[in-house]
C-alpha atoms as a PDB file:
ATOM      1  CA  UNK A   1       3.216  50.563  14.237  1.00  0.00           C
ATOM      2  CA  UNK A   2       6.526  50.737  11.503  1.00  0.00           C
ATOM      3  CA  UNK A   3       5.841  48.007  11.177  1.00  0.00           C
ATOM      4  CA  UNK A   4       2.040  48.925  10.281  1.00  0.00           C
ATOM      5  CA  UNK A   5       3.445  51.822   7.999  1.00  0.00           C
ATOM      6  CA  UNK A   6       5.390  49.697   5.936  1.00  0.00           C
ATOM      7  CA  UNK A   7       2.890  47.299   5.165  1.00  0.00           C
ATOM      8  CA  UNK A   8       0.842  49.669   4.222  1.00  0.00           C
ATOM      9  CA  UNK A   9       4.071  51.709   1.884  1.00  0.00           C
ATOM     10  CA  UNK A  10       4.638  48.305   0.648  1.00  0.00           C
ATOM     11  CA  UNK A  11       0.778  47.674  -0.431  1.00  0.00           C
ATOM     12  CA  UNK A  12       0.297  50.392  -1.925  1.00  0.00           C
ATOM     13  CA  UNK A  13       3.742  50.239  -3.669  1.00  0.00           C
ATOM     14  CA  UNK A  14       2.614  46.485  -5.068  1.00  0.00           C
ATOM     15  CA  UNK A  15      -1.003  48.668  -6.553  1.00  0.00           C
ATOM     16  CA  UNK A  16       1.456  51.283  -8.238  1.00  0.00           C
ATOM     17  CA  UNK A  17       3.696  48.481  -9.911  1.00  0.00           C
ATOM     18  CA  UNK A  18       0.424  46.476 -10.911  1.00  0.00           C
ATOM     19  CA  UNK A  19      -0.564  49.655 -12.756  1.00  0.00           C
ATOM     20  CA  UNK A  20       1.934  49.708 -14.737  1.00  0.00           C
ATOM     21  CA  UNK A  21       2.185  46.314 -15.305  1.00  0.00           C
ATOM     22  CA  UNK A  22      -1.099  45.533 -16.517  1.00  0.00           C
ATOM     23  CA  UNK A  23      -1.832  42.771 -19.355  1.00  0.00           C
ATOM     24  CA  UNK A  24      -1.972  44.845 -22.889  1.00  0.00           C
ATOM     25  CA  UNK A  25      -4.884  42.278 -23.735  1.00  0.00           C
ATOM     26  CA  UNK A  26      -6.408  44.261 -21.414  1.00  0.00           C
ATOM     27  CA  UNK A  27      -5.518  47.451 -23.278  1.00  0.00           C
ATOM     28  CA  UNK A  28      -7.086  45.786 -26.531  1.00  0.00           C
ATOM     29  CA  UNK A  29     -10.545  44.543 -24.825  1.00  0.00           C
ATOM     30  CA  UNK A  30     -10.915  48.187 -22.780  1.00  0.00           C
ATOM     31  CA  UNK A  31      -9.831  50.056 -26.578  1.00  0.00           C
ATOM     32  CA  UNK A  32     -12.467  47.469 -28.345  1.00  0.00           C
ATOM     33  CA  UNK A  33     -15.274  48.327 -26.015  1.00  0.00           C
ATOM     34  CA  UNK A  34     -14.594  52.114 -26.110  1.00  0.00           C
ATOM     35  CA  UNK A  35     -15.015  51.797 -30.045  1.00  0.00           C
ATOM     36  CA  UNK A  36     -17.431  49.686 -30.521  1.00  0.00           C
ATOM     37  CA  UNK A  37     -19.985  51.482 -28.379  1.00  0.00           C
ATOM     38  CA  UNK A  38     -20.492  54.288 -30.132  1.00  0.00           C
ATOM     39  CA  UNK A  39     -20.450  52.740 -33.710  1.00  0.00           C
ATOM     40  CA  UNK A  40     -23.135  50.160 -32.505  1.00  0.00           C
ATOM     41  CA  UNK A  41     -25.334  52.629 -30.104  1.00  0.00           C
ATOM     42  CA  UNK A  42     -24.183  56.979 -31.590  1.00  0.00           C
ATOM     43  CA  UNK A  43     -23.862  59.129 -29.254  1.00  0.00           C
ATOM     44  CA  UNK A  44     -24.203  62.072 -30.930  1.00  0.00           C
ATOM     45  CA  UNK A  45     -21.141  64.269 -29.270  1.00  0.00           C
ATOM     46  CA  UNK A  46     -20.747  68.236 -30.914  1.00  0.00           C
ATOM     47  CA  UNK A  47     -18.624  67.856 -34.159  1.00  0.00           C
ATOM     48  CA  UNK A  48     -17.048  71.090 -32.729  1.00  0.00           C
ATOM     49  CA  UNK A  49     -16.315  73.714 -35.540  1.00  0.00           C
ATOM     50  CA  UNK A  50     -17.535  73.325 -38.579  1.00  0.00           C
ATOM     51  CA  UNK A  51     -15.324  73.638 -41.427  1.00  0.00           C
ATOM     52  CA  UNK A  52     -15.055  76.436 -44.082  1.00  0.00           C
ATOM     53  CA  UNK A  53     -14.393  74.002 -46.185  1.00  0.00           C
ATOM     54  CA  UNK A  54     -17.585  72.362 -45.712  1.00  0.00           C
ATOM     55  CA  UNK A  55     -19.695  75.192 -45.587  1.00  0.00           C
ATOM     56  CA  UNK A  56     -18.538  75.915 -48.160  1.00  0.00           C
ATOM     57  CA  UNK A  57     -19.663  72.722 -50.408  1.00  0.00           C
ATOM     58  CA  UNK A  58     -22.981  72.099 -48.254  1.00  0.00           C
ATOM     59  CA  UNK A  59     -24.037  76.087 -48.982  1.00  0.00           C
ATOM     60  CA  UNK A  60     -22.708  75.954 -52.922  1.00  0.00           C
ATOM     61  CA  UNK A  61     -25.269  73.090 -53.314  1.00  0.00           C
ATOM     62  CA  UNK A  62     -27.802  73.971 -50.542  1.00  0.00           C
ATOM     63  CA  UNK A  63     -28.173  76.953 -53.579  1.00  0.00           C
ATOM     64  CA  UNK A  64     -28.804  75.326 -56.765  1.00  0.00           C
ATOM     65  CA  UNK A  65     -31.677  75.251 -58.722  1.00  0.00           C
ATOM     66  CA  UNK A  66     -34.086  72.143 -58.623  1.00  0.00           C
ATOM     67  CA  UNK A  67     -32.439  69.813 -61.241  1.00  0.00           C
ATOM     68  CA  UNK A  68     -29.318  71.266 -61.989  1.00  0.00           C
ATOM     69  CA  UNK A  69     -26.994  67.793 -62.060  1.00  0.00           C
ATOM     70  CA  UNK A  70     -23.954  67.074 -59.991  1.00  0.00           C
ATOM     71  CA  UNK A  71     -21.583  64.699 -61.083  1.00  0.00           C
ATOM     72  CA  UNK A  72     -20.487  62.418 -58.724  1.00  0.00           C
ATOM     73  CA  UNK A  73     -16.949  60.772 -59.428  1.00  0.00           C
ATOM     74  CA  UNK A  74     -16.357  57.607 -56.742  1.00  0.00           C
ATOM     75  CA  UNK A  75     -12.386  56.713 -56.912  1.00  0.00           C
ATOM     76  CA  UNK A  76     -13.296  55.090 -52.993  1.00  0.00           C
ATOM     77  CA  UNK A  77     -11.720  51.815 -52.805  1.00  0.00           C
ATOM     78  CA  UNK A  78     -12.522  50.483 -49.676  1.00  0.00           C
ATOM     79  CA  UNK A  79      -9.424  51.973 -47.463  1.00  0.00           C
ATOM     80  CA  UNK A  80     -10.946  55.270 -48.705  1.00  0.00           C
ATOM     81  CA  UNK A  81     -14.019  55.112 -48.119  1.00  0.00           C
ATOM     82  CA  UNK A  82     -13.975  54.429 -44.136  1.00  0.00           C
ATOM     83  CA  UNK A  83     -12.731  57.898 -44.843  1.00  0.00           C
ATOM     84  CA  UNK A  84     -15.325  59.495 -47.680  1.00  0.00           C
ATOM     85  CA  UNK A  85     -18.797  56.893 -48.186  1.00  0.00           C
ATOM     86  CA  UNK A  86     -20.070  58.896 -45.561  1.00  0.00           C
ATOM     87  CA  UNK A  87     -19.715  61.921 -47.220  1.00  0.00           C
ATOM     88  CA  UNK A  88     -20.761  61.179 -50.441  1.00  0.00           C
ATOM     89  CA  UNK A  89     -24.232  60.057 -48.659  1.00  0.00           C
ATOM     90  CA  UNK A  90     -24.352  62.759 -47.119  1.00  0.00           C
ATOM     91  CA  UNK A  91     -24.756  65.026 -49.593  1.00  0.00           C
ATOM     92  CA  UNK A  92     -26.854  62.792 -51.829  1.00  0.00           C
ATOM     93  CA  UNK A  93     -29.144  62.770 -49.352  1.00  0.00           C
ATOM     94  CA  UNK A  94     -28.715  66.866 -49.565  1.00  0.00           C
ATOM     95  CA  UNK A  95     -29.142  66.631 -53.350  1.00  0.00           C
ATOM     96  CA  UNK A  96     -31.928  64.469 -53.143  1.00  0.00           C
ATOM     97  CA  UNK A  97     -33.704  66.959 -51.111  1.00  0.00           C
ATOM     98  CA  UNK A  98     -33.525  69.850 -52.717  1.00  0.00           C
ATOM     99  CA  UNK A  99     -34.291  68.234 -56.421  1.00  0.00           C
ATOM    100  CA  UNK A 100     -31.028  67.858 -58.271  1.00  0.00           C
ATOM    101  CA  UNK A 101     -29.897  65.886 -60.286  1.00  0.00           C
ATOM    102  CA  UNK A 102     -27.264  63.121 -60.000  1.00  0.00           C
ATOM    103  CA  UNK A 103     -25.056  61.733 -61.716  1.00  0.00           C
ATOM    104  CA  UNK A 104     -23.179  58.782 -60.941  1.00  0.00           C
ATOM    105  CA  UNK A 105     -19.864  56.830 -62.224  1.00  0.00           C
ATOM    106  CA  UNK A 106     -16.640  54.330 -60.535  1.00  0.00           C
ATOM    107  CA  UNK A 107     -13.209  55.494 -61.776  1.00  0.00           C
ATOM    108  CA  UNK A 108     -12.193  51.890 -60.346  1.00  0.00           C
ATOM    109  CA  UNK A 109     -13.697  49.316 -60.139  1.00  0.00           C
ATOM    110  CA  UNK A 110     -13.408  48.244 -56.686  1.00  0.00           C
ATOM    111  CA  UNK A 111     -15.643  51.703 -56.608  1.00  0.00           C
ATOM    112  CA  UNK A 112     -18.353  49.849 -58.083  1.00  0.00           C
ATOM    113  CA  UNK A 113     -20.260  48.846 -55.570  1.00  0.00           C
ATOM    114  CA  UNK A 114     -20.346  52.077 -52.106  1.00  0.00           C
ATOM    115  CA  UNK A 115     -22.473  54.387 -55.937  1.00  0.00           C
ATOM    116  CA  UNK A 116     -25.386  51.529 -55.197  1.00  0.00           C
ATOM    117  CA  UNK A 117     -24.937  51.207 -51.235  1.00  0.00           C
ATOM    118  CA  UNK A 118     -25.305  54.973 -51.352  1.00  0.00           C
ATOM    119  CA  UNK A 119     -28.568  55.133 -53.615  1.00  0.00           C
ATOM    120  CA  UNK A 120     -29.723  51.726 -51.174  1.00  0.00           C
ATOM    121  CA  UNK A 121     -28.518  53.659 -47.924  1.00  0.00           C
ATOM    122  CA  UNK A 122     -30.871  57.647 -49.285  1.00  0.00           C
ATOM    123  CA  UNK A 123     -33.386  56.557 -52.115  1.00  0.00           C
ATOM    124  CA  UNK A 124     -34.549  52.935 -51.903  1.00  0.00           C
ATOM    125  CA  UNK A 125     -33.281  51.967 -54.402  1.00  0.00           C
ATOM    126  CA  UNK A 126     -31.073  51.710 -57.462  1.00  0.00           C
ATOM    127  CA  UNK A 127     -32.365  51.833 -60.827  1.00  0.00           C
ATOM    128  CA  UNK A 128     -36.403  50.476 -59.609  1.00  0.00           C
ATOM    129  CA  UNK A 129     -36.352  53.292 -57.974  1.00  0.00           C
ATOM    130  CA  UNK A 130     -39.111  55.763 -59.518  1.00  0.00           C
ATOM    131  CA  UNK A 131     -36.991  58.823 -60.335  1.00  0.00           C
ATOM    132  CA  UNK A 132     -33.757  57.236 -61.668  1.00  0.00           C
ATOM    133  CA  UNK A 133     -33.143  58.169 -65.248  1.00  0.00           C
ATOM    134  CA  UNK A 134     -34.659  61.306 -64.600  1.00  0.00           C
ATOM    135  CA  UNK A 135     -32.929  62.792 -60.964  1.00  0.00           C
ATOM    136  CA  UNK A 136     -30.349  59.962 -61.117  1.00  0.00           C
ATOM    137  CA  UNK A 137     -28.471  58.096 -63.127  1.00  0.00           C
ATOM    138  CA  UNK A 138     -25.791  55.308 -61.897  1.00  0.00           C
ATOM    139  CA  UNK A 139     -22.759  54.850 -65.265  1.00  0.00           C
ATOM    140  CA  UNK A 140     -21.035  52.402 -63.590  1.00  0.00           C
ATOM    141  CA  UNK A 141     -16.948  51.952 -63.870  1.00  0.00           C
ATOM    142  CA  UNK A 142     -15.432  54.340 -66.668  1.00  0.00           C
ATOM    143  CA  UNK A 143     -11.969  52.415 -67.360  1.00  0.00           C
ATOM    144  CA  UNK A 144      -8.271  54.945 -67.648  1.00  0.00           C
ATOM    145  CA  UNK A 145      -8.919  57.846 -64.788  1.00  0.00           C
ATOM    146  CA  UNK A 146      -8.529  60.637 -66.478  1.00  0.00           C
ATOM    147  CA  UNK A 147      -8.567  60.237 -69.644  1.00  0.00           C
ATOM    148  CA  UNK A 148     -12.746  58.286 -68.855  1.00  0.00           C
ATOM    149  CA  UNK A 149     -12.886  61.901 -66.836  1.00  0.00           C
ATOM    150  CA  UNK A 150     -12.208  63.723 -70.381  1.00  0.00           C
ATOM    151  CA  UNK A 151     -13.874  61.822 -72.795  1.00  0.00           C
ATOM    152  CA  UNK A 152     -17.489  61.873 -70.316  1.00  0.00           C
ATOM    153  CA  UNK A 153     -16.677  65.718 -70.467  1.00  0.00           C
ATOM    154  CA  UNK A 154     -16.973  66.171 -74.023  1.00  0.00           C
ATOM    155  CA  UNK A 155     -19.738  63.515 -74.724  1.00  0.00           C
ATOM    156  CA  UNK A 156     -22.076  63.142 -72.236  1.00  0.00           C
ATOM    157  CA  UNK A 157     -22.976  60.021 -73.928  1.00  0.00           C
ATOM    158  CA  UNK A 158     -19.754  59.605 -74.376  1.00  0.00           C
ATOM    159  CA  UNK A 159     -21.013  55.201 -72.623  1.00  0.00           C
ATOM    160  CA  UNK A 160     -23.920  54.387 -74.684  1.00  0.00           C
ATOM    161  CA  UNK A 161     -25.157  52.503 -71.859  1.00  0.00           C
ATOM    162  CA  UNK A 162     -25.950  52.755 -68.057  1.00  0.00           C
ATOM    163  CA  UNK A 163     -24.468  50.498 -64.640  1.00  0.00           C
ATOM    164  CA  UNK A 164     -27.833  48.562 -65.967  1.00  0.00           C
ATOM    165  CA  UNK A 165     -26.579  48.230 -68.871  1.00  0.00           C
ATOM    166  CA  UNK A 166     -30.042  50.648 -69.979  1.00  0.00           C
ATOM    167  CA  UNK A 167     -29.664  52.790 -74.161  1.00  0.00           C
ATOM    168  CA  UNK A 168     -28.530  56.424 -72.173  1.00  0.00           C
ATOM    169  CA  UNK A 169     -29.880  58.563 -74.182  1.00  0.00           C
ATOM    170  CA  UNK A 170     -32.924  58.018 -74.012  1.00  0.00           C
ATOM    171  CA  UNK A 171     -33.304  58.764 -70.857  1.00  0.00           C
ATOM    172  CA  UNK A 172     -35.021  61.839 -69.091  1.00  0.00           C
ATOM    173  CA  UNK A 173     -31.567  63.291 -67.239  1.00  0.00           C
ATOM    174  CA  UNK A 174     -29.927  64.384 -70.063  1.00  0.00           C
ATOM    175  CA  UNK A 175     -33.086  65.279 -72.428  1.00  0.00           C
ATOM    176  CA  UNK A 176     -33.144  69.129 -72.191  1.00  0.00           C
ATOM    177  CA  UNK A 177     -29.614  69.743 -71.854  1.00  0.00           C
ATOM    178  CA  UNK A 178     -28.787  71.949 -74.661  1.00  0.00           C
ATOM    179  CA  UNK A 179     -24.380  71.061 -74.878  1.00  0.00           C
ATOM    180  CA  UNK A 180     -24.442  67.817 -73.979  1.00  0.00           C
ATOM    181  CA  UNK A 181     -20.773  68.454 -72.446  1.00  0.00           C
ATOM    182  CA  UNK A 182     -19.859  69.144 -68.751  1.00  0.00           C
ATOM    183  CA  UNK A 183     -20.670  73.106 -70.414  1.00  0.00           C
ATOM    184  CA  UNK A 184     -24.172  71.735 -68.418  1.00  0.00           C
ATOM    185  CA  UNK A 185     -22.713  70.572 -65.027  1.00  0.00           C
ATOM    186  CA  UNK A 186     -23.130  72.737 -62.735  1.00  0.00           C
ATOM    187  CA  UNK A 187     -21.021  70.592 -59.882  1.00  0.00           C
ATOM    188  CA  UNK A 188     -18.594  67.378 -60.290  1.00  0.00           C
ATOM    189  CA  UNK A 189     -17.699  65.836 -56.955  1.00  0.00           C
ATOM    190  CA  UNK A 190     -13.968  63.456 -56.493  1.00  0.00           C
ATOM    191  CA  UNK A 191     -14.179  61.500 -53.656  1.00  0.00           C
ATOM    192  CA  UNK A 192     -11.302  59.317 -52.869  1.00  0.00           C
ATOM    193  CA  UNK A 193      -7.429  59.117 -52.090  1.00  0.00           C
ATOM    194  CA  UNK A 194      -6.984  60.816 -54.717  1.00  0.00           C
ATOM    195  CA  UNK A 195      -5.582  64.669 -55.331  1.00  0.00           C
ATOM    196  CA  UNK A 196      -8.373  66.484 -57.610  1.00  0.00           C
ATOM    197  CA  UNK A 197      -5.961  67.580 -59.541  1.00  0.00           C
ATOM    198  CA  UNK A 198      -7.307  65.819 -62.708  1.00  0.00           C
ATOM    199  CA  UNK A 199     -10.726  66.784 -62.340  1.00  0.00           C
ATOM    200  CA  UNK A 200      -9.966  70.354 -62.157  1.00  0.00           C
ATOM    201  CA  UNK A 201      -7.837  69.709 -65.973  1.00  0.00           C
ATOM    202  CA  UNK A 202     -10.431  67.873 -67.457  1.00  0.00           C
ATOM    203  CA  UNK A 203     -13.548  69.600 -66.308  1.00  0.00           C
ATOM    204  CA  UNK A 204     -13.012  72.863 -65.031  1.00  0.00           C
ATOM    205  CA  UNK A 205     -10.267  74.780 -66.761  1.00  0.00           C
ATOM    206  CA  UNK A 206     -11.745  73.730 -69.791  1.00  0.00           C
ATOM    207  CA  UNK A 207     -15.716  73.865 -69.835  1.00  0.00           C
ATOM    208  CA  UNK A 208     -15.891  76.164 -66.313  1.00  0.00           C
ATOM    209  CA  UNK A 209     -17.666  73.456 -64.021  1.00  0.00           C
ATOM    210  CA  UNK A 210     -16.232  73.960 -60.433  1.00  0.00           C
ATOM    211  CA  UNK A 211     -14.571  71.146 -58.589  1.00  0.00           C
ATOM    212  CA  UNK A 212     -15.202  70.183 -54.913  1.00  0.00           C
ATOM    213  CA  UNK A 213     -14.348  67.009 -53.338  1.00  0.00           C
ATOM    214  CA  UNK A 214     -14.909  64.348 -50.756  1.00  0.00           C
ATOM    215  CA  UNK A 215     -10.541  63.221 -49.639  1.00  0.00           C
ATOM    216  CA  UNK A 216      -8.871  61.449 -47.597  1.00  0.00           C
ATOM    217  CA  UNK A 217      -7.482  63.891 -44.150  1.00  0.00           C
ATOM    218  CA  UNK A 218      -4.157  62.901 -45.217  1.00  0.00           C
ATOM    219  CA  UNK A 219      -4.728  65.373 -49.421  1.00  0.00           C
ATOM    220  CA  UNK A 220      -6.779  68.434 -47.621  1.00  0.00           C
ATOM    221  CA  UNK A 221      -3.012  69.859 -48.389  1.00  0.00           C
ATOM    222  CA  UNK A 222      -2.522  69.848 -51.715  1.00  0.00           C
ATOM    223  CA  UNK A 223      -6.640  71.065 -52.699  1.00  0.00           C
ATOM    224  CA  UNK A 224      -6.487  74.390 -51.180  1.00  0.00           C
ATOM    225  CA  UNK A 225      -3.852  75.872 -53.496  1.00  0.00           C
ATOM    226  CA  UNK A 226      -7.380  75.627 -55.528  1.00  0.00           C
ATOM    227  CA  UNK A 227      -9.665  77.355 -53.439  1.00  0.00           C
ATOM    228  CA  UNK A 228     -11.585  78.368 -53.705  1.00  0.00           C
ATOM    229  CA  UNK A 229     -12.184  80.068 -57.791  1.00  0.00           C
ATOM    230  CA  UNK A 230     -11.383  76.327 -58.277  1.00  0.00           C
ATOM    231  CA  UNK A 231     -12.572  74.374 -56.132  1.00  0.00           C
ATOM    232  CA  UNK A 232     -15.596  75.445 -54.124  1.00  0.00           C
ATOM    233  CA  UNK A 233     -15.166  72.752 -51.011  1.00  0.00           C
ATOM    234  CA  UNK A 234     -14.297  69.757 -50.072  1.00  0.00           C
ATOM    235  CA  UNK A 235     -14.827  67.535 -46.888  1.00  0.00           C
ATOM    236  CA  UNK A 236     -12.012  66.828 -45.045  1.00  0.00           C
ATOM    237  CA  UNK A 237     -11.308  63.159 -44.375  1.00  0.00           C
ATOM    238  CA  UNK A 238     -14.060  61.366 -41.219  1.00  0.00           C
ATOM    239  CA  UNK A 239     -14.423  64.896 -39.919  1.00  0.00           C
ATOM    240  CA  UNK A 240     -15.104  66.879 -42.807  1.00  0.00           C
ATOM    241  CA  UNK A 241     -17.871  64.126 -43.177  1.00  0.00           C
ATOM    242  CA  UNK A 242     -19.629  63.996 -40.173  1.00  0.00           C
ATOM    243  CA  UNK A 243     -19.660  67.981 -40.276  1.00  0.00           C
ATOM    244  CA  UNK A 244     -22.056  67.278 -43.330  1.00  0.00           C
ATOM    245  CA  UNK A 245     -24.090  64.831 -41.819  1.00  0.00           C
ATOM    246  CA  UNK A 246     -24.583  67.399 -39.225  1.00  0.00           C
ATOM    247  CA  UNK A 247     -25.166  69.602 -41.591  1.00  0.00           C
ATOM    248  CA  UNK A 248     -28.189  68.453 -43.309  1.00  0.00           C
ATOM    249  CA  UNK A 249     -29.518  67.331 -39.852  1.00  0.00           C
ATOM    250  CA  UNK A 250     -29.059  63.971 -40.986  1.00  0.00           C
ATOM    251  CA  UNK A 251     -26.231  62.440 -38.009  1.00  0.00           C
ATOM    252  CA  UNK A 252     -24.944  58.771 -40.055  1.00  0.00           C
ATOM    253  CA  UNK A 253     -22.143  56.947 -40.619  1.00  0.00           C
ATOM    254  CA  UNK A 254     -18.777  59.770 -39.713  1.00  0.00           C
ATOM    255  CA  UNK A 255     -20.799  61.263 -36.714  1.00  0.00           C
ATOM    256  CA  UNK A 256     -20.826  57.412 -35.615  1.00  0.00           C
ATOM    257  CA  UNK A 257     -17.378  57.695 -35.876  1.00  0.00           C
ATOM    258  CA  UNK A 258     -16.003  60.145 -34.771  1.00  0.00           C
ATOM    259  CA  UNK A 259     -17.750  59.322 -31.618  1.00  0.00           C
ATOM    260  CA  UNK A 260     -15.756  56.263 -31.862  1.00  0.00           C
ATOM    261  CA  UNK A 261     -12.144  58.501 -32.822  1.00  0.00           C
ATOM    262  CA  UNK A 262     -13.437  60.871 -29.378  1.00  0.00           C
ATOM    263  CA  UNK A 263     -13.670  58.018 -26.848  1.00  0.00           C
ATOM    264  CA  UNK A 264     -10.526  55.391 -27.824  1.00  0.00           C
ATOM    265  CA  UNK A 265      -9.173  59.094 -27.781  1.00  0.00           C
ATOM    266  CA  UNK A 266     -10.134  59.587 -24.672  1.00  0.00           C
ATOM    267  CA  UNK A 267      -9.502  56.155 -23.268  1.00  0.00           C
ATOM    268  CA  UNK A 268      -6.263  55.981 -24.092  1.00  0.00           C
ATOM    269  CA  UNK A 269      -5.330  59.442 -22.407  1.00  0.00           C
ATOM    270  CA  UNK A 270      -7.196  58.771 -19.511  1.00  0.00           C
ATOM    271  CA  UNK A 271      -4.261  54.815 -19.422  1.00  0.00           C
ATOM    272  CA  UNK A 272      -1.358  57.537 -20.504  1.00  0.00           C
ATOM    273  CA  UNK A 273      -2.364  59.707 -17.750  1.00  0.00           C
ATOM    274  CA  UNK A 274      -2.996  56.333 -15.506  1.00  0.00           C
ATOM    275  CA  UNK A 275       0.164  55.336 -15.982  1.00  0.00           C
ATOM    276  CA  UNK A 276       2.539  58.037 -15.466  1.00  0.00           C
ATOM    277  CA  UNK A 277       0.767  58.066 -11.821  1.00  0.00           C
ATOM    278  CA  UNK A 278       1.552  54.997 -11.558  1.00  0.00           C
ATOM    279  CA  UNK A 279       4.883  55.473 -12.715  1.00  0.00           C
ATOM    280  CA  UNK A 280       5.631  58.242 -10.492  1.00  0.00           C
ATOM    281  CA  UNK A 281       4.362  56.817  -7.391  1.00  0.00           C
ATOM    282  CA  UNK A 282       6.380  53.934  -7.082  1.00  0.00           C
ATOM    283  CA  UNK A 283       9.931  55.744  -7.677  1.00  0.00           C
ATOM    284  CA  UNK A 284       8.837  58.333  -4.192  1.00  0.00           C
ATOM    285  CA  UNK A 285      11.156  56.836  -2.013  1.00  0.00           C
ATOM    286  CA  UNK A 286       9.214  55.648   0.954  1.00  0.00           C
ATOM    287  CA  UNK A 287      11.503  56.570   4.420  1.00  0.00           C
ATOM    288  CA  UNK A 288      11.635  54.332   8.234  1.00  0.00           C
ATOM    289  CA  UNK A 289      10.300  55.416  10.448  1.00  0.00           C
ATOM    290  CA  UNK A 290      12.194  56.594  13.392  1.00  0.00           C
END
């Protein structure tokens, strides 16, 4: 009987040891599977409590009268786009539903394609869209960052042609603007991995147009000093973008990304627990029988 007991103990101990020594390649494979499934087939996990920052931005846009002008500054490179671009798509969809005018421009060259991508995913077309030049205009790349914004805020025709070579002065979009400056704008939204301070300096302080943002999560703490008088709301990383998708009832890339994050974290937690169970079980000494 003792021999049988030892056989069971030895087999059990061997199982716990194997649990600790799983080939790391299987761990990577498991994470890849867990993350890939919700990206390909979004689950729609609840995003939790909608943050005040997201709610304020949604409510501000939702209360704007038709044909109000929102300027979207796209400063997203490929890295920042993972957190910010889906929020831009969700906000554009909201603007379309409200009949607002949206003026796009990119403050860096690698952000240019993301504007076209947002228009294609929400409007179905770019410059060929029937309301292009009336409700939507893409100015393309404006160099020099803060200086470029200062020029556009002082004169809406600072860039005389749009991203597709069309003359902006002949567009219906600009026809009824009284000052042709940032005083005609209702909101400027910055998307990217920089702070919004330069937007506040060039648009909000001199012209009174409020600022909002869709920024990388790491930057959220740098925006709070401007809330809520100059920055009326913002999206914090992928989570903020997913929350906005929920508010506009259009779950998309951000919601799928949050599903993948949540399940990935859950898988890691489960593996940590199993690894610790195996570790402590393997250290337990099994006494010999009589």
